[in-house]
């Protein structure tokens, strides 16, 4: 009887071909959803697509899915953007007799979904942001910008075909509705979550450093121009010129396409104060959040802004830009500045680094706000969307 009941559970194909060991934001999002689904599958079974046996094993281990009977894995030899991968995905989707398909990134197997809604198998995708579409100047060397007409046509085709689009903020939802041909009822904003491992360090935050050590400003993320690292380097230079002893720690993968921030640091004389740590694994990133005096996130655009939420969960004060989704995510728990004003950013950083009462107020406010960003809540919202799409 138990087997018969399990056999009637609808199958969701979850396309996790975006997950690599060195996690991107989309990879982390995918793993966190799977981890939550592993604890509560919501009455569904999942067929997870991975790009290799090695990646499938990594996903199983990292998401805690080993031995979970609700999850099966399929390995692909081609990625979601290749023509062969597109055709293979459409064929496998038909063979799987799936009830629903979900890609945690924008790309979906177009041959499987004609340009109309609804479909026999509902199609769900995540559009985390539309930066290359709305602001191609923010990603000048990205493939999406170099082949802008193709990217624009692709995004419009996906918007017409998807039965539901999930995005990370109301700000991103508004941009999607303004830029793409999609009905408002088909776009849902669901805040990303913060892993429980992000928490304040025990004891005083300054316990690992001497009383005369320079203050640490932390940046977490990529080096694309929209992240505004050059603006942050300028703010650091203004801060140091004003007499504040500070260093900037940049935690993120290097990108040879965008050498401008490093060159600017040399030109402004603050190169010795900029520490490029490269990609940090989970433990190293947690230590970085816990030891920093302030997180600076001066992006020109963000669909969500996960480092802001993670820093708040660690009790780290935040200075961020007032652009796109960041005011929505930060609320009243950060100092907001215009991203194109390095003097304003320098002054906000100076205030946090020199005013212990302000730093403590931001620390407490951020820690109180952080629980609003919950992966279980995000996963529950996605499961509710599945049920709505499959309702008779």
Protein backbone atom coordinates (compact mmCIF):
# COMPACT_ATOMS: atom_id res chain seq x y z
CA UNK A 1 0.00 0.00 0.00
CA UNK A 2 2.82 2.34 0.89
CA UNK A 3 4.47 1.76 -2.50
CA UNK A 4 1.23 2.48 -4.30
CA UNK A 5 0.81 5.80 -2.47
CA UNK A 6 4.37 6.81 -3.22
CA UNK A 7 3.91 5.99 -6.90
CA UNK A 8 1.09 8.51 -7.14
CA UNK A 9 3.23 11.36 -5.84
CA UNK A 10 3.79 13.91 -8.63
CA UNK A 11 7.32 14.08 -10.01
CA UNK A 12 9.10 17.43 -10.19
CA UNK A 13 12.10 17.64 -12.48
CA UNK A 14 14.48 20.12 -10.88
CA UNK A 15 17.21 21.28 -13.24
CA UNK A 16 20.34 21.63 -11.11
CA UNK A 17 22.86 21.75 -13.94
CA UNK A 18 23.90 25.16 -12.59
CA UNK A 19 25.53 23.67 -9.48
CA UNK A 20 29.33 23.43 -9.35
CA UNK A 21 31.58 22.75 -6.37
CA UNK A 22 32.68 26.37 -6.39
CA UNK A 23 29.23 27.71 -5.70
CA UNK A 24 27.77 30.68 -7.50
CA UNK A 25 24.73 32.47 -6.14
CA UNK A 26 22.47 30.30 -8.32
CA UNK A 27 24.28 27.15 -7.24
CA UNK A 28 23.85 28.05 -3.59
CA UNK A 29 20.17 28.88 -4.15
CA UNK A 30 19.64 25.48 -5.78
CA UNK A 31 21.40 23.56 -3.02
CA UNK A 32 19.47 25.34 -0.27
CA UNK A 33 16.14 24.58 -1.93
CA UNK A 34 17.11 20.93 -2.31
CA UNK A 35 18.26 20.75 1.30
CA UNK A 36 14.85 22.03 2.45
CA UNK A 37 12.96 19.75 0.05
CA UNK A 38 14.97 16.84 1.45
CA UNK A 39 13.50 17.54 4.88
CA UNK A 40 9.98 18.21 3.59
CA UNK A 41 9.28 17.16 0.01
CA UNK A 42 5.75 18.53 0.28
CA UNK A 43 4.18 15.39 -1.20
CA UNK A 44 6.39 15.46 -4.31
CA UNK A 45 9.12 13.25 -5.67
CA UNK A 46 12.10 14.93 -7.31
CA UNK A 47 14.19 14.00 -10.30
CA UNK A 48 17.33 16.16 -10.12
CA UNK A 49 19.35 16.89 -13.24
CA UNK A 50 23.13 17.31 -12.84
CA UNK A 51 25.87 17.90 -15.37
CA UNK A 52 28.14 15.01 -14.31
CA UNK A 53 28.33 12.10 -11.89
CA UNK A 54 30.79 14.11 -9.80
CA UNK A 55 28.38 17.03 -9.54
CA UNK A 56 25.47 14.72 -8.76
CA UNK A 57 27.46 13.24 -5.90
CA UNK A 58 28.37 16.70 -4.65
CA UNK A 59 24.72 17.81 -4.72
CA UNK A 60 23.57 14.68 -2.86
CA UNK A 61 26.19 15.18 -0.17
CA UNK A 62 25.93 18.96 0.18
CA UNK A 63 22.12 18.95 0.28
CA UNK A 64 21.91 15.95 2.62
CA UNK A 65 19.99 13.80 0.12
CA UNK A 66 21.96 10.55 0.43
CA UNK A 67 19.51 7.66 0.79
CA UNK A 68 16.44 9.87 0.49
CA UNK A 69 13.91 7.84 -1.55
CA UNK A 70 12.09 10.98 -2.73
CA UNK A 71 15.10 12.00 -4.84
CA UNK A 72 16.54 10.45 -7.98
CA UNK A 73 19.37 11.90 -10.09
CA UNK A 74 19.96 12.00 -13.82
CA UNK A 75 23.30 12.96 -15.36
CA UNK A 76 23.62 15.03 -18.53
CA UNK A 77 26.62 15.33 -20.81
CA UNK A 78 25.54 18.70 -22.24
CA UNK A 79 24.69 21.99 -20.56
CA UNK A 80 21.34 23.79 -20.72
CA UNK A 81 22.53 26.35 -23.29
CA UNK A 82 23.82 23.94 -25.93
CA UNK A 83 21.46 22.84 -28.74
CA UNK A 84 22.21 19.19 -27.91
CA UNK A 85 21.48 19.84 -24.24
CA UNK A 86 18.21 21.53 -25.16
CA UNK A 87 17.04 18.56 -27.25
CA UNK A 88 18.20 16.01 -24.68
CA UNK A 89 16.38 17.85 -21.89
CA UNK A 90 13.13 17.95 -23.87
CA UNK A 91 13.41 14.23 -24.64
CA UNK A 92 14.17 13.32 -21.02
CA UNK A 93 11.33 15.48 -19.78
CA UNK A 94 8.85 13.57 -21.93
CA UNK A 95 10.31 10.24 -20.85
CA UNK A 96 10.20 11.14 -17.15
CA UNK A 97 6.41 11.62 -17.18
CA UNK A 98 7.00 14.59 -14.95
CA UNK A 99 4.22 16.65 -13.44
CA UNK A 100 6.30 19.86 -13.42
CA UNK A 101 9.68 21.20 -14.53
CA UNK A 102 11.67 23.78 -12.53
CA UNK A 103 14.91 25.43 -13.61
CA UNK A 104 16.60 27.45 -10.87
CA UNK A 105 18.05 29.73 -13.56
CA UNK A 106 16.36 31.45 -16.48
CA UNK A 107 17.25 28.93 -19.20
CA UNK A 108 14.65 26.24 -19.89
CA UNK A 109 14.48 23.52 -22.58
CA UNK A 110 12.64 25.55 -25.20
CA UNK A 111 11.65 22.58 -27.44
CA UNK A 112 9.68 21.14 -24.51
CA UNK A 113 7.55 24.23 -24.05
CA UNK A 114 5.71 25.82 -26.97
CA UNK A 115 5.24 29.56 -26.94
CA UNK A 116 1.97 29.51 -25.09
CA UNK A 117 0.65 28.75 -21.59
CA UNK A 118 -0.43 26.55 -19.95
CA UNK A 119 1.50 23.41 -20.92
CA UNK A 120 0.96 19.73 -20.25
CA UNK A 121 3.98 19.93 -17.98
CA UNK A 122 4.05 23.34 -16.26
CA UNK A 123 7.34 25.20 -16.59
CA UNK A 124 8.81 27.14 -13.65
CA UNK A 125 12.03 29.12 -13.87
CA UNK A 126 13.94 31.57 -11.71
CA UNK A 127 14.93 34.94 -13.14
CA UNK A 128 17.23 36.31 -10.46
CA UNK A 129 17.86 39.60 -12.25
CA UNK A 130 17.78 41.26 -15.66
CA UNK A 131 21.01 43.24 -15.43
CA UNK A 132 22.27 42.61 -19.00
CA UNK A 133 18.83 43.49 -20.36
CA UNK A 134 18.14 46.60 -18.29
CA UNK A 135 21.72 47.86 -17.93
CA UNK A 136 24.06 46.28 -20.50
CA UNK A 137 26.62 48.93 -19.56
CA UNK A 138 26.98 47.21 -16.17
CA UNK A 139 28.23 43.97 -17.81
CA UNK A 140 30.22 45.20 -20.81
CA UNK A 141 32.30 42.06 -21.37
CA UNK A 142 29.66 39.44 -20.57
CA UNK A 143 28.44 37.17 -23.37
CA UNK A 144 24.87 38.31 -22.74
CA UNK A 145 25.90 41.89 -23.50
CA UNK A 146 28.13 41.04 -26.45
CA UNK A 147 25.23 39.11 -28.01
CA UNK A 148 22.56 41.44 -26.69
CA UNK A 149 19.91 40.94 -29.45
CA UNK A 150 20.09 37.16 -28.96
CA UNK A 151 19.87 37.48 -25.17
CA UNK A 152 16.92 39.88 -25.38
CA UNK A 153 15.03 37.60 -27.78
CA UNK A 154 15.79 34.60 -25.57
CA UNK A 155 14.52 36.27 -22.42
CA UNK A 156 11.32 37.36 -24.15
CA UNK A 157 10.77 33.82 -25.46
CA UNK A 158 11.30 32.33 -22.00
CA UNK A 159 8.93 34.85 -20.41
CA UNK A 160 6.21 33.87 -22.89
CA UNK A 161 6.73 30.14 -22.31
CA UNK A 162 7.16 29.94 -18.52
CA UNK A 163 4.01 29.14 -16.58
CA UNK A 164 5.58 30.73 -13.52
CA UNK A 165 8.64 32.89 -12.84
CA UNK A 166 10.22 33.11 -9.40
CA UNK A 167 12.44 36.04 -8.48
CA UNK A 168 14.14 37.18 -5.29
CA UNK A 169 12.55 40.55 -4.51
CA UNK A 170 9.64 42.83 -5.28
CA UNK A 171 12.10 45.20 -6.95
CA UNK A 172 13.23 42.45 -9.33
CA UNK A 173 9.59 41.48 -9.95
CA UNK A 174 8.76 45.04 -11.00
CA UNK A 175 11.67 45.07 -13.41
CA UNK A 176 10.64 41.74 -14.94
CA UNK A 177 7.08 42.96 -15.48
CA UNK A 178 8.34 46.18 -17.04
CA UNK A 179 10.85 44.54 -19.37
CA UNK A 180 9.32 41.22 -20.42
CA UNK A 181 6.00 40.06 -21.93
CA UNK A 182 4.72 38.19 -18.89
CA UNK A 183 1.44 38.36 -17.01
CA UNK A 184 1.78 39.70 -13.42
CA UNK A 185 0.01 36.62 -12.06
CA UNK A 186 2.84 34.47 -13.36
CA UNK A 187 5.67 36.28 -11.52
CA UNK A 188 6.20 35.58 -7.83
CA UNK A 189 8.69 37.32 -5.54
CA UNK A 190 10.19 35.02 -2.91
CA UNK A 191 13.03 36.31 -0.77
CA UNK A 192 16.14 34.16 -0.68
CA UNK A 193 17.18 32.72 2.66
CA UNK A 194 20.22 32.74 4.90
CA UNK A 195 21.73 29.50 6.14
CA UNK A 196 21.57 28.98 9.94
CA UNK A 197 25.36 28.66 9.95
CA UNK A 198 25.57 32.44 9.53
CA UNK A 199 25.47 33.65 13.10
CA UNK A 200 27.47 35.99 15.35
CA UNK A 201 30.79 34.80 16.73
CA UNK A 202 30.87 34.00 20.43
CA UNK A 203 32.57 36.66 22.50
CA UNK A 204 33.63 40.20 21.53
CA UNK A 205 34.04 40.79 17.80
CA UNK A 206 37.45 42.42 18.30
CA UNK A 207 38.88 39.56 20.36
CA UNK A 208 41.01 38.24 17.47
CA UNK A 209 42.64 41.62 16.77
CA UNK A 210 44.63 44.09 18.76
CA UNK A 211 43.14 47.44 19.83
CA UNK A 212 45.25 49.35 17.29
CA UNK A 213 44.64 47.13 14.27
CA UNK A 214 43.02 48.80 11.25
CA UNK A 215 39.29 48.42 10.83
CA UNK A 216 38.16 45.84 8.28
CA UNK A 217 35.66 46.64 5.53
CA UNK A 218 34.37 43.47 3.88
CA UNK A 219 33.03 43.05 0.36
CA UNK A 220 31.59 39.69 -0.76
CA UNK A 221 30.78 38.95 -4.39
CA UNK A 222 31.93 39.04 -7.97
CA UNK A 223 33.93 41.74 -9.73
CA UNK A 224 31.44 42.65 -12.49
CA UNK A 225 31.10 46.42 -13.01
CA UNK A 226 27.57 46.47 -11.60
CA UNK A 227 29.04 45.38 -8.26
CA UNK A 228 30.77 48.79 -8.24
CA UNK A 229 34.09 47.69 -6.79
CA UNK A 230 35.71 50.76 -8.29
CA UNK A 231 33.29 52.94 -6.35
CA UNK A 232 34.17 51.03 -3.19
CA UNK A 233 37.90 51.51 -3.81
CA UNK A 234 37.28 55.26 -4.26
CA UNK A 235 35.32 55.31 -0.99
CA UNK A 236 38.22 53.56 0.76
CA UNK A 237 40.65 56.17 -0.58
CA UNK A 238 38.40 59.00 0.68
CA UNK A 239 38.09 57.26 4.05
CA UNK A 240 41.85 56.86 4.47
CA UNK A 241 42.49 60.44 3.33
CA UNK A 242 40.16 61.55 6.11
CA UNK A 243 42.29 59.78 8.72
CA UNK A 244 40.42 56.48 9.27
CA UNK A 245 42.74 53.50 9.48
CA UNK A 246 40.95 50.82 7.46
CA UNK A 247 41.56 47.94 5.05
CA UNK A 248 39.25 46.51 2.43
CA UNK A 249 38.89 42.73 2.18
CA UNK A 250 37.43 41.59 -1.16
CA UNK A 251 36.08 38.04 -0.96
CA UNK A 252 35.17 36.74 -4.38
CA UNK A 253 36.59 35.05 -7.46
CA UNK A 254 39.01 37.14 -9.54
CA UNK A 255 37.84 38.16 -12.99
CA UNK A 256 40.52 39.08 -15.52
CA UNK A 257 37.90 40.75 -17.71
CA UNK A 258 37.59 43.59 -15.20
CA UNK A 259 41.03 44.80 -13.98
CA UNK A 260 39.82 48.34 -13.27
CA UNK A 261 39.45 48.09 -9.45
CA UNK A 262 43.01 46.81 -8.99
CA UNK A 263 44.41 49.49 -11.27
CA UNK A 264 42.39 52.16 -9.49
CA UNK A 265 43.67 51.00 -6.10
CA UNK A 266 47.23 51.50 -7.35
CA UNK A 267 46.45 54.91 -8.81
CA UNK A 268 44.80 56.11 -5.60
CA UNK A 269 47.62 54.80 -3.39
CA UNK A 270 45.50 52.33 -1.41
CA UNK A 271 46.71 49.10 -3.02
CA UNK A 272 48.42 47.94 0.24
CA UNK A 273 45.07 48.36 2.00
CA UNK A 274 43.11 46.14 -0.40
CA UNK A 275 43.27 42.42 0.30
CA UNK A 276 42.01 40.14 -2.49
CA UNK A 277 41.19 36.83 -0.83
CA UNK A 278 39.61 35.13 -3.86
CA UNK A 279 36.77 32.66 -3.51
CA UNK A 280 36.10 31.62 0.10
CA UNK A 281 34.48 28.35 1.10
CA UNK A 282 31.65 28.36 3.62
CA UNK A 283 33.82 28.24 6.73
CA UNK A 284 36.23 30.91 5.54
CA UNK A 285 33.34 33.15 4.47
CA UNK A 286 31.70 32.80 7.86
CA UNK A 287 34.96 33.82 9.56
CA UNK A 288 35.22 36.82 7.24
CA UNK A 289 31.71 38.02 8.12
CA UNK A 290 32.29 37.52 11.83
CA UNK A 291 35.61 39.34 11.92
CA UNK A 292 34.70 42.31 9.71
CA UNK A 293 33.80 45.66 11.26
CA UNK A 294 31.38 46.50 8.44
CA UNK A 295 30.08 45.00 5.20
CA UNK A 296 30.10 47.40 2.24
CA UNK A 297 27.86 46.55 -0.69
CA UNK A 298 27.66 49.47 -3.10
CA UNK A 299 26.13 47.64 -6.07
CA UNK A 300 24.47 49.54 -8.87
CA UNK A 301 21.92 46.73 -9.17
CA UNK A 302 20.96 43.59 -7.24
CA UNK A 303 18.09 41.18 -7.69
CA UNK A 304 18.37 40.28 -4.01
CA UNK A 305 21.75 40.99 -2.40
CA UNK A 306 22.52 37.88 -0.35
CA UNK A 307 25.74 39.22 1.30
CA UNK A 308 23.66 41.95 2.97
CA UNK A 309 21.33 39.38 4.54
CA UNK A 310 24.22 37.07 5.51
CA UNK A 311 26.15 39.90 7.15
CA UNK A 312 23.09 40.94 9.15
CA UNK A 313 22.67 37.35 10.36
CA UNK A 314 26.27 37.45 11.59
CA UNK A 315 25.67 40.69 13.45
CA UNK A 316 27.91 42.66 11.09
CA UNK A 317 26.89 46.30 10.43
CA UNK A 318 26.02 47.04 6.81
CA UNK A 319 26.56 50.01 4.50
CA UNK A 320 24.89 49.44 1.14
CA UNK A 321 23.61 51.34 -1.86
CA UNK A 322 20.06 52.58 -2.18
CA UNK A 323 19.64 50.95 -5.61
CA UNK A 324 17.27 48.26 -6.88
CA UNK A 325 16.39 45.62 -4.24
CA UNK A 326 18.89 46.62 -1.56
CA UNK A 327 16.62 49.04 0.36
CA UNK A 328 13.96 46.30 0.40
CA UNK A 329 16.40 43.76 1.83
CA UNK A 330 18.23 46.07 4.25
CA UNK A 331 15.18 47.84 5.64
CA UNK A 332 16.21 50.09 8.52
CA UNK A 333 19.13 47.83 9.46
CA UNK A 334 21.78 49.48 7.25
CA UNK A 335 23.08 52.87 6.20
CA UNK A 336 21.98 53.48 2.60
CA UNK A 337 24.02 55.63 0.21
CA UNK A 338 23.85 56.49 -3.51
CA UNK A 339 26.08 54.02 -5.35
CA UNK A 340 27.63 56.76 -7.48
CA UNK A 341 28.69 58.93 -4.52
CA UNK A 342 32.00 57.69 -3.01
CA UNK A 343 32.09 60.65 -0.61
CA UNK A 344 28.72 59.62 0.87
CA UNK A 345 29.89 56.01 1.08
CA UNK A 346 33.13 57.04 2.79
CA UNK A 347 31.21 59.14 5.32
CA UNK A 348 28.80 56.28 6.09
CA UNK A 349 31.70 53.87 6.55
CA UNK A 350 33.52 56.38 8.75
CA UNK A 351 30.46 56.74 10.97
CA UNK A 352 30.09 52.98 11.44
CA UNK A 353 33.81 52.45 12.06
CA UNK A 354 34.20 55.29 14.57
CA UNK A 355 30.82 55.46 16.31
CA UNK A 356 30.46 52.33 18.46
CA UNK A 357 26.89 53.21 19.43
CA UNK A 358 25.83 53.42 15.77
CA UNK A 359 27.65 50.19 14.94
CA UNK A 360 25.88 48.43 17.80
CA UNK A 361 22.48 49.78 16.73
CA UNK A 362 23.01 48.50 13.19
CA UNK A 363 24.31 45.19 14.49
CA UNK A 364 21.21 44.64 16.64
CA UNK A 365 18.81 45.85 13.94
CA UNK A 366 20.40 43.59 11.33
CA UNK A 367 20.35 40.57 13.61
CA UNK A 368 16.64 41.14 14.26
CA UNK A 369 15.88 41.51 10.56
CA UNK A 370 17.87 38.49 9.38
CA UNK A 371 15.26 35.85 10.34
CA UNK A 372 12.97 37.31 7.66
CA UNK A 373 15.28 35.61 5.14
CA UNK A 374 14.61 31.91 5.66
CA UNK A 375 15.39 29.07 3.27
CA UNK A 376 12.59 26.89 4.73
CA UNK A 377 10.16 29.76 4.11
CA UNK A 378 11.48 30.18 0.55
CA UNK A 379 11.17 26.44 -0.10
CA UNK A 380 7.63 26.40 1.31
CA UNK A 381 6.66 29.24 -1.02
CA UNK A 382 8.07 27.34 -4.01
CA UNK A 383 6.20 24.17 -3.01
CA UNK A 384 3.00 26.22 -2.70
CA UNK A 385 3.60 27.49 -6.23
CA UNK A 386 3.98 23.91 -7.49
CA UNK A 387 0.66 22.98 -5.88
CA UNK A 388 -1.08 25.99 -7.40
CA UNK A 389 0.16 25.12 -10.88
CA UNK A 390 -0.91 21.49 -10.51
CA UNK A 391 -4.31 22.22 -8.95
CA UNK A 392 -7.19 20.83 -11.04
